[in-house]
Each structure stands twice: as structure tokens, then as C-alpha cells.
Amino acid sequence: MRWDIFCQIVDNYGDAGVCWRLARSLSSLHGQDVRIFCDDLPTLNLLASGVDPKVKDRIELLPWEASYNNARHPVKAPNVVIEAFGCELPERYLAGLFIAAEKPIIINLEYLSAEPWITEFHGKASPQSHGIPKYFFFPGFQDEVGGLLLDPIALTGDLSAKDIPPSLQKDWANLRPGAKRISIFCYPGAPLAKWLEDLGSLNENFDIVLTHGIAQLLNLATGKSISLPNNIQLISIPFVSQDEYDWVLAQCDFNIVRGEDSFIRAQLAGKPFIWHIYPQDDRAHEIKLAAFLDLYLDAASQSLRLDTIAAMTWAMPSEWIGSLEAWNTHSQAWRAQLLEKQADGGLPARLLRFVA
């Protein structure tokens, strides 16, 4: 089938990351014909860089306006149109669907959630005045919903420590033998300076891998270059592709992640992590985080449950790091559980079955 995915980037990376990973999964794993129309093509191209050209060339990455500019990119009527995260389709593109010989199905791909209510809304119709069928599709952890976004790397686990990506080789050479590795990718507002200072009070070496832009966040938060004890080493890495970031997560002992895409990748890395969930003014993010933790910690001991919740809500590392070994074991078991529950192919495969 032919799929058109529409992506408007709100949070710099996550929206594009999900759309690109979905497109690659539909194309590589399921042989679908996919185009992405994106309002920030440079970011999308950065995330997709480094991918095997045979894989990338099968997916059309197009600017948003190409969806309705027939002079440059004649529009073929797709079988499926995906509005990623509820973005509105361009009116001129939608007008072209009205006159198509065969009407497509429109999927409103919602944000990932662990909240129980999504089971009642997943797959439900959203009647439109124009008459083209439209449905809500909720990714999630429960069996009754849309599943998780698994891609070829998640399925093969091909993230060998020996295969250092060329863009990371220089920085990776600075890592110290025996030091614990922590990667950080978070939103502004996280108490990073205080968190790192507390980590420095522990009698252990830590190498902190700062993703692109995080060092600047630290300086902005403190108003000066942060000063840390010798047991803490900060290593800033450049902007890397999606696959290279997945590799980083797999090599670290602990990861701080944000948004949706890196949240799932951290779980599939099988390592302890903090999910810096996108903060919302009405504090709805706290409900979403609690819903996830209810599932994630269902089989955890009471002590691990308390320490994990403390870590996820930015308690200082000294308050919970004693549980890191137990948390690591739990993370590996959780990863195995996720892969077992998504043995049907997860989100891409469930989308295909739903459309069929």
C-alpha cells in the first residue's frame, strides 16, 4: 500500500523521530511504499542520516508544501494517510483526496500513553464532514491498543560496543575504564547542576555523556560554567543520527531521556533510566508518568519501586543509587517482557492489520 505520513515538528526531534522510525519500519519490515511530508525537513534528514542508502532511498522525504504543489511533486492518491500527533492536513492536499477515485483511510496517530482510558478510544472512528474515513490510533503498552514502535535495530539488537559510530569515535576515546556511563537528553528545567553535584559526592567515577545542546542548558541554568569534582567527567557529543543515539543508549549504564521516541529506546536498551516527560501547564504529565510507572514497576519490590519513583521525580542520586543493580536486572526483564508482548510486530504491524 501507499502511505503518506504528515509530520509537524513541535519538539525538535521526537515528532520527526517517531515518523521516521515508523516509515522505516513500514518500508523495511513490511514492504510498504511510504512518503513523509515534514515542515522541518533538515531535522528529519539529520535523524535519518547514516542509514543504509538502500533503506533510505525507499522512503520519500518531502517538504510539507510538496503534498499540494503538483507542479513539483504530482500527488498520487495514497491508501493510508497518517496525521502524526493530530497535525492537520493541508487543505489543498485534502481537496485532492476528495476527487481521488479511491478514498484513503486517515489515521490520527496519537501520542504514546500508558493511561487506562486509551483502550476505550483506540481504533474508534472520528466522523468527518468530508466523508473520508478517519480513526484514532493509540500506541501503548496494553494488549488492546496500538503497541510500540519497533524497528529493525530494536528487533535485531545490533548495537555492538565494538562498532563505535565514526561521529562518536573521538569522544568515546575519552571514556575512562571502570567509570559508570550516564547519558543525558532532557528538557530545560531539569535540576541538572544540582543532580550532577550530588552524583559527584559519591565515591565512584562517572562519565556523563551530554547530548547535543545539554552543555548549553547547564551553563544557562547556572549562569556560569559548572564546576564538578574529578570523579565526574562531562563529555559533550555532537548531534547524531537516530541509529547512533540508539547505540549510545545501549552502551551507557544509565540514561536520562525525554519525549516519546527516546523513552521507548531507553526501555529497549534494557538499562535503568529517567524519563523526563514533557512538562505541561495543567500537570497532566504527572498523571501520564504515574500511569507508566504503575505498569513498569508492577513486578518490582517495594524498595525498588520507591527508589525508581524517587529517581523519576528528580530525587538526588544519593537517595536511590543503591538500588541501581536491582534496577538494572528489572530493566532487562522489562525489555524481554516488552518484546514478548510486541511479538506480533508492534505498532507498524498492528497499523497494517487495522487498515486491512
Protein backbone atom coordinates (compact mmCIF):
# COMPACT_ATOMS: atom_id res chain seq x y z
CA MET A 1 0.00 0.00 0.00
CA ARG A 2 0.93 3.64 -0.37
CA TRP A 3 1.29 5.60 2.87
CA ASP A 4 1.55 9.37 3.34
CA ILE A 5 2.82 10.45 6.78
CA PHE A 6 2.42 14.10 7.81
CA CYS A 7 4.82 15.40 10.45
CA GLN A 8 4.84 18.85 12.07
CA ILE A 9 7.78 19.18 14.41
CA VAL A 10 6.82 20.61 17.80
CA ASP A 11 9.61 19.25 19.98
CA ASN A 12 12.67 19.45 17.72
CA TYR A 13 13.42 15.75 17.47
CA GLY A 14 10.76 13.45 18.92
CA ASP A 15 7.97 14.03 16.39
CA ALA A 16 10.33 13.58 13.46
CA GLY A 17 11.99 10.63 15.16
CA VAL A 18 8.72 8.74 15.56
CA CYS A 19 7.64 9.46 11.98
CA TRP A 20 10.97 8.40 10.50
CA ARG A 21 11.11 5.21 12.59
CA LEU A 22 7.54 4.34 11.60
CA ALA A 23 8.26 4.98 7.93
CA ARG A 24 11.38 2.84 8.03
CA SER A 25 9.56 0.01 9.78
CA LEU A 26 6.67 0.06 7.31
CA SER A 27 9.10 0.07 4.40
CA SER A 28 11.87 -2.26 5.60
CA LEU A 29 9.87 -4.78 7.61
CA HIS A 30 6.58 -4.74 5.72
CA GLY A 31 7.40 -3.69 2.15
CA GLN A 32 5.15 -0.62 2.14
CA ASP A 33 5.52 2.44 -0.11
CA VAL A 34 5.98 5.45 2.21
CA ARG A 35 6.32 9.22 1.88
CA ILE A 36 6.86 11.69 4.74
CA PHE A 37 5.78 15.32 4.38
CA CYS A 38 7.57 17.34 7.05
CA ASP A 39 7.57 21.05 7.95
CA ASP A 40 11.22 20.84 9.08
CA LEU A 41 13.00 18.70 6.52
CA PRO A 42 16.58 19.49 7.71
CA THR A 43 15.86 17.98 11.15
CA LEU A 44 14.24 14.93 9.61
CA ASN A 45 17.21 14.43 7.29
CA LEU A 46 19.63 14.70 10.22
CA LEU A 47 17.82 11.98 12.15
CA ALA A 48 17.73 9.77 9.07
CA SER A 49 21.40 10.27 8.23
CA GLY A 50 23.79 7.36 8.40
CA VAL A 51 21.11 4.88 7.36
CA ASP A 52 21.87 2.34 4.63
CA PRO A 53 21.09 4.19 1.38
CA LYS A 54 19.12 1.18 0.14
CA VAL A 55 16.79 1.66 3.11
CA LYS A 56 16.60 5.45 2.97
CA ASP A 57 16.07 5.59 -0.80
CA ARG A 58 12.86 3.56 -0.47
CA ILE A 59 11.26 6.36 1.58
CA GLU A 60 10.47 9.76 0.12
CA LEU A 61 11.33 12.62 2.48
CA LEU A 62 9.49 15.68 1.20
CA PRO A 63 8.80 19.23 2.38
CA TRP A 64 5.33 19.93 3.75
CA GLU A 65 4.28 22.03 0.75
CA ALA A 66 5.19 19.24 -1.68
CA SER A 67 1.98 17.48 -0.63
CA TYR A 68 -0.08 20.02 -2.57
CA ASN A 69 2.39 21.52 -5.08
CA ASN A 70 1.50 19.42 -8.09
CA ALA A 71 3.97 21.20 -10.35
CA ARG A 72 6.91 19.87 -8.35
CA HIS A 73 5.61 16.63 -6.90
CA PRO A 74 2.50 15.24 -8.59
CA VAL A 75 0.35 13.74 -5.85
CA LYS A 76 -0.60 10.08 -6.12
CA ALA A 77 -3.64 9.18 -4.06
CA PRO A 78 -2.40 7.09 -1.11
CA ASN A 79 -4.17 4.18 0.53
CA VAL A 80 -3.41 5.46 4.04
CA VAL A 81 -2.78 8.96 5.37
CA ILE A 82 -1.27 9.40 8.84
CA GLU A 83 -1.72 12.63 10.78
CA ALA A 84 1.10 12.22 13.27
CA PHE A 85 0.08 13.51 16.69
CA GLY A 86 -3.09 15.11 15.35
CA CYS A 87 -1.47 17.57 12.93
CA GLU A 88 -3.99 18.96 10.43
CA LEU A 89 -3.66 18.01 6.78
CA PRO A 90 -3.06 20.87 4.31
CA GLU A 91 -6.37 21.97 2.81
CA ARG A 92 -5.12 21.69 -0.76
CA TYR A 93 -3.86 18.15 -0.13
CA LEU A 94 -7.19 17.20 1.44
CA ALA A 95 -9.02 18.67 -1.55
CA GLY A 96 -7.04 16.33 -3.78
CA LEU A 97 -8.26 13.35 -1.75
CA PHE A 98 -11.90 14.36 -2.34
CA ILE A 99 -11.57 13.75 -6.09
CA ALA A 100 -9.46 10.59 -5.84
CA ALA A 101 -11.03 7.53 -7.45
CA GLU A 102 -10.41 5.52 -4.28
CA LYS A 103 -10.62 7.30 -0.94
CA PRO A 104 -7.85 6.58 1.57
CA ILE A 105 -8.16 5.88 5.28
CA ILE A 106 -6.93 8.69 7.55
CA ILE A 107 -5.25 7.66 10.80
CA ASN A 108 -4.87 10.16 13.64
CA LEU A 109 -1.75 8.68 15.26
CA GLU A 110 -1.88 9.82 18.88
CA TYR A 111 0.86 10.22 21.45
CA LEU A 112 2.04 7.13 23.31
CA SER A 113 0.36 6.65 26.68
CA ALA A 114 0.06 4.04 29.41
CA GLU A 115 -3.18 5.53 30.72
CA PRO A 116 -6.06 3.01 31.03
CA TRP A 117 -8.61 5.19 29.19
CA ILE A 118 -6.88 4.84 25.82
CA THR A 119 -8.21 1.28 25.50
CA GLU A 120 -11.72 2.75 25.16
CA PHE A 121 -10.76 5.17 22.36
CA HIS A 122 -8.22 3.19 20.37
CA GLY A 123 -9.43 2.32 16.87
CA LYS A 124 -12.61 4.38 17.18
CA ALA A 125 -13.96 6.30 14.20
CA SER A 126 -13.76 10.09 14.02
CA PRO A 127 -16.58 11.00 11.58
CA GLN A 128 -15.67 13.85 9.23
CA SER A 129 -17.93 16.14 7.22
CA HIS A 130 -15.92 15.36 4.06
CA GLY A 131 -16.77 11.67 4.36
CA ILE A 132 -13.24 10.24 4.22
CA PRO A 133 -12.92 7.60 6.98
CA LYS A 134 -10.76 8.69 9.89
CA TYR A 135 -9.76 6.75 13.02
CA PHE A 136 -7.91 7.31 16.29
CA PHE A 137 -4.88 5.05 16.78
CA PHE A 138 -3.21 4.99 20.20
CA PRO A 139 0.27 3.49 20.67
CA GLY A 140 0.57 1.94 24.08
CA PHE A 141 1.72 -0.88 26.34
CA GLN A 142 -1.58 -2.69 26.76
CA ASP A 143 -2.53 -5.63 24.54
CA GLU A 144 -5.74 -3.92 23.37
CA VAL A 145 -4.11 -0.81 21.87
CA GLY A 146 -1.70 0.09 19.07
CA GLY A 147 1.53 -1.30 20.50
CA LEU A 148 5.06 0.09 20.49
CA LEU A 149 7.20 1.26 17.62
CA LEU A 150 9.72 -1.49 16.97
CA ASP A 151 12.17 -1.01 14.12
CA PRO A 152 14.81 -3.31 12.58
CA ILE A 153 17.51 -2.40 15.13
CA ALA A 154 15.19 -2.97 18.09
CA LEU A 155 14.36 -6.40 16.73
CA THR A 156 17.92 -7.50 15.96
CA GLY A 157 19.68 -5.84 18.89
CA ASP A 158 22.60 -4.99 16.56
CA LEU A 159 24.26 -2.43 18.86
CA SER A 160 27.70 -3.92 19.48
CA ALA A 161 30.01 -1.95 21.78
CA LYS A 162 32.87 -2.60 19.33
CA ASP A 163 31.11 -0.85 16.43
CA ILE A 164 31.66 2.75 17.52
CA PRO A 165 29.98 5.12 15.02
CA PRO A 166 32.59 7.30 13.24
CA SER A 167 30.99 10.51 14.54
CA LEU A 168 31.49 9.33 18.14
CA GLN A 169 34.93 7.73 18.00
CA LYS A 170 36.85 10.83 19.14
CA ASP A 171 34.59 11.46 22.17
CA TRP A 172 34.28 7.77 23.06
CA ALA A 173 38.07 7.52 23.34
CA ASN A 174 37.87 9.85 26.37
CA LEU A 175 35.77 7.45 28.44
CA ARG A 176 37.56 6.10 31.50
CA PRO A 177 37.83 2.35 32.14
CA GLY A 178 35.65 1.33 35.06
CA ALA A 179 33.66 4.57 35.19
CA LYS A 180 29.88 4.32 35.13
CA ARG A 181 28.39 5.89 32.00
CA ILE A 182 25.31 8.11 32.11
CA SER A 183 23.76 9.73 29.04
CA ILE A 184 21.64 12.86 29.40
CA PHE A 185 18.98 14.10 26.98
CA CYS A 186 16.44 16.23 28.84
CA TYR A 187 14.28 19.35 28.62
CA PRO A 188 15.16 22.73 30.10
CA GLY A 189 14.03 22.88 33.71
CA ALA A 190 15.64 19.66 34.90
CA PRO A 191 17.76 20.27 38.04
CA LEU A 192 20.87 19.01 36.26
CA ALA A 193 23.53 21.07 38.03
CA LYS A 194 22.33 20.05 41.49
CA TRP A 195 21.84 16.44 40.29
CA LEU A 196 25.42 16.23 38.99
CA GLU A 197 26.86 17.86 42.11
CA ASP A 198 25.13 15.22 44.23
CA LEU A 199 26.46 12.49 41.94
CA GLY A 200 29.93 13.93 42.48
CA SER A 201 29.61 13.40 46.23
CA LEU A 202 29.59 9.63 45.70
CA ASN A 203 32.80 7.64 45.92
CA GLU A 204 32.75 6.45 42.31
CA ASN A 205 33.77 7.67 38.85
CA PHE A 206 31.05 8.74 36.41
CA ASP A 207 31.41 9.67 32.75
CA ILE A 208 28.47 11.86 31.74
CA VAL A 209 27.61 11.81 28.02
CA LEU A 210 25.80 15.06 27.23
CA THR A 211 23.77 15.01 24.03
CA HIS A 212 23.76 17.99 21.68
CA GLY A 213 22.70 21.21 23.47
CA ILE A 214 22.74 19.88 27.05
CA ALA A 215 26.04 21.55 27.98
CA GLN A 216 24.49 24.87 26.97
CA LEU A 217 21.45 24.11 29.15
CA LEU A 218 23.76 23.55 32.12
CA ASN A 219 25.51 26.88 31.59
CA LEU A 220 22.22 28.72 31.15
CA ALA A 221 20.83 27.21 34.36
CA THR A 222 23.84 28.13 36.48
CA GLY A 223 24.86 31.32 34.73
CA LYS A 224 28.45 30.04 34.59
CA SER A 225 30.48 27.02 33.61
CA ILE A 226 29.63 24.27 36.08
CA SER A 227 32.48 23.08 38.35
CA LEU A 228 32.44 19.42 39.38
CA PRO A 229 34.80 17.12 41.30
CA ASN A 230 37.30 14.94 39.42
CA ASN A 231 35.18 11.82 39.69
CA ILE A 232 32.67 13.43 37.28
CA GLN A 233 33.73 13.82 33.63
CA LEU A 234 31.43 15.64 31.21
CA ILE A 235 31.64 14.60 27.54
CA SER A 236 29.56 16.55 25.02
CA ILE A 237 28.79 14.64 21.85
CA PRO A 238 27.66 16.19 18.53
CA PHE A 239 24.19 15.91 17.04
CA VAL A 240 23.95 12.29 15.94
CA SER A 241 21.55 10.28 13.83
CA GLN A 242 18.76 8.25 15.34
CA ASP A 243 20.64 4.96 14.99
CA GLU A 244 23.78 6.43 16.56
CA TYR A 245 21.78 7.69 19.54
CA ASP A 246 20.28 4.21 19.97
CA TRP A 247 23.86 2.91 20.11
CA VAL A 248 24.76 5.44 22.83
CA LEU A 249 21.81 4.35 24.98
CA ALA A 250 22.88 0.71 24.69
CA GLN A 251 26.45 1.49 25.83
CA CYS A 252 25.54 3.52 28.93
CA ASP A 253 24.75 2.15 32.40
CA PHE A 254 22.03 4.73 32.98
CA ASN A 255 20.14 7.05 30.64
CA ILE A 256 18.14 10.23 31.09
CA VAL A 257 15.74 10.59 28.17
CA ARG A 258 12.85 12.79 27.17
CA GLY A 259 9.80 12.85 24.91
CA GLU A 260 8.44 9.71 23.28
CA ASP A 261 10.95 8.20 20.88
CA SER A 262 13.97 8.15 23.21
CA PHE A 263 11.66 6.99 26.04
CA ILE A 264 10.93 3.76 24.16
CA ARG A 265 14.55 3.37 23.01
CA ALA A 266 15.74 3.60 26.63
CA GLN A 267 13.43 0.75 27.57
CA LEU A 268 14.57 -1.36 24.63
CA ALA A 269 18.19 -0.73 25.67
CA GLY A 270 17.38 -2.70 28.83
CA LYS A 271 19.02 -0.16 31.16
CA PRO A 272 17.74 1.92 34.10
CA PHE A 273 16.58 5.36 33.02
CA ILE A 274 14.84 8.58 33.99
CA TRP A 275 12.04 9.68 31.69
CA HIS A 276 11.96 13.48 31.70
CA ILE A 277 8.38 13.63 30.48
CA TYR A 278 7.35 16.79 28.62
CA PRO A 279 6.03 19.17 31.31
CA GLN A 280 2.50 20.51 30.78
CA ASP A 281 0.96 23.54 32.47
CA ASP A 282 -2.05 21.57 33.75
CA ARG A 283 0.32 18.92 35.21
CA ALA A 284 -1.21 16.24 33.01
CA HIS A 285 2.32 14.86 32.55
CA GLU A 286 2.32 13.73 36.18
CA ILE A 287 -0.72 11.52 35.51
CA LYS A 288 0.95 10.08 32.39
CA LEU A 289 4.16 9.33 34.28
CA ALA A 290 2.25 7.68 37.15
CA ALA A 291 0.32 5.51 34.68
CA PHE A 292 3.55 4.31 33.10
CA LEU A 293 5.20 3.62 36.45
CA ASP A 294 2.21 1.53 37.54
CA LEU A 295 2.91 -0.80 34.59
CA TYR A 296 6.71 -0.58 34.67
CA LEU A 297 7.00 -1.34 38.39
CA ASP A 298 4.20 -3.87 38.69
CA ALA A 299 6.62 -6.75 39.39
CA ALA A 300 9.22 -4.68 41.32
CA SER A 301 9.95 -4.99 45.03
CA GLN A 302 8.65 -2.26 47.29
CA SER A 303 12.14 -0.84 47.85
CA LEU A 304 12.91 -0.73 44.11
CA ARG A 305 9.50 0.78 43.42
CA LEU A 306 10.13 3.61 45.90
CA ASP A 307 13.67 4.28 44.64
CA THR A 308 12.63 4.26 40.98
CA ILE A 309 9.76 6.67 41.62
CA ALA A 310 12.18 8.91 43.54
CA ALA A 311 14.64 8.88 40.63
CA MET A 312 11.93 9.57 38.06
CA THR A 313 10.79 12.60 40.05
CA TRP A 314 14.34 14.01 40.25
CA ALA A 315 15.33 12.99 43.74
CA MET A 316 19.11 13.27 44.13
CA PRO A 317 21.13 10.20 43.02
CA SER A 318 22.48 9.58 46.53
CA GLU A 319 18.92 8.81 47.64
CA TRP A 320 18.35 5.90 45.22
CA ILE A 321 21.59 4.81 43.55
CA GLY A 322 21.94 1.90 45.97
CA SER A 323 19.16 0.18 44.02
CA LEU A 324 20.93 0.51 40.66
CA GLU A 325 21.94 -3.15 40.42
CA ALA A 326 18.40 -4.35 41.17
CA TRP A 327 17.04 -1.73 38.78
CA ASN A 328 19.34 -3.00 36.03
CA THR A 329 18.04 -6.55 36.48
CA HIS A 330 14.47 -5.22 36.42
CA SER A 331 15.18 -3.23 33.24
CA GLN A 332 16.41 -6.30 31.39
CA ALA A 333 13.33 -8.27 32.46
CA TRP A 334 11.09 -5.38 31.37
CA ARG A 335 12.76 -5.29 27.94
CA ALA A 336 12.16 -9.01 27.50
CA GLN A 337 8.53 -8.53 28.53
CA LEU A 338 8.06 -5.69 26.02
CA LEU A 339 9.50 -7.73 23.16
CA GLU A 340 7.33 -10.71 24.10
CA LYS A 341 4.18 -8.56 24.14
CA GLN A 342 5.13 -6.98 20.82
CA ALA A 343 5.91 -10.33 19.17
CA ASP A 344 3.14 -9.54 16.68
CA GLY A 345 5.30 -6.74 15.25
CA GLY A 346 4.08 -3.91 17.46
CA LEU A 347 2.80 -0.60 16.13
CA PRO A 348 3.64 -0.98 12.39
CA ALA A 349 2.15 -4.46 12.17
CA ARG A 350 -0.95 -3.51 14.16
CA LEU A 351 -1.46 -0.48 11.91
CA LEU A 352 -1.34 -2.74 8.86
CA ARG A 353 -3.85 -5.17 10.33
CA PHE A 354 -6.14 -2.34 11.37
CA VAL A 355 -6.12 -0.79 7.91
CA ALA A 356 -6.73 -4.17 6.30
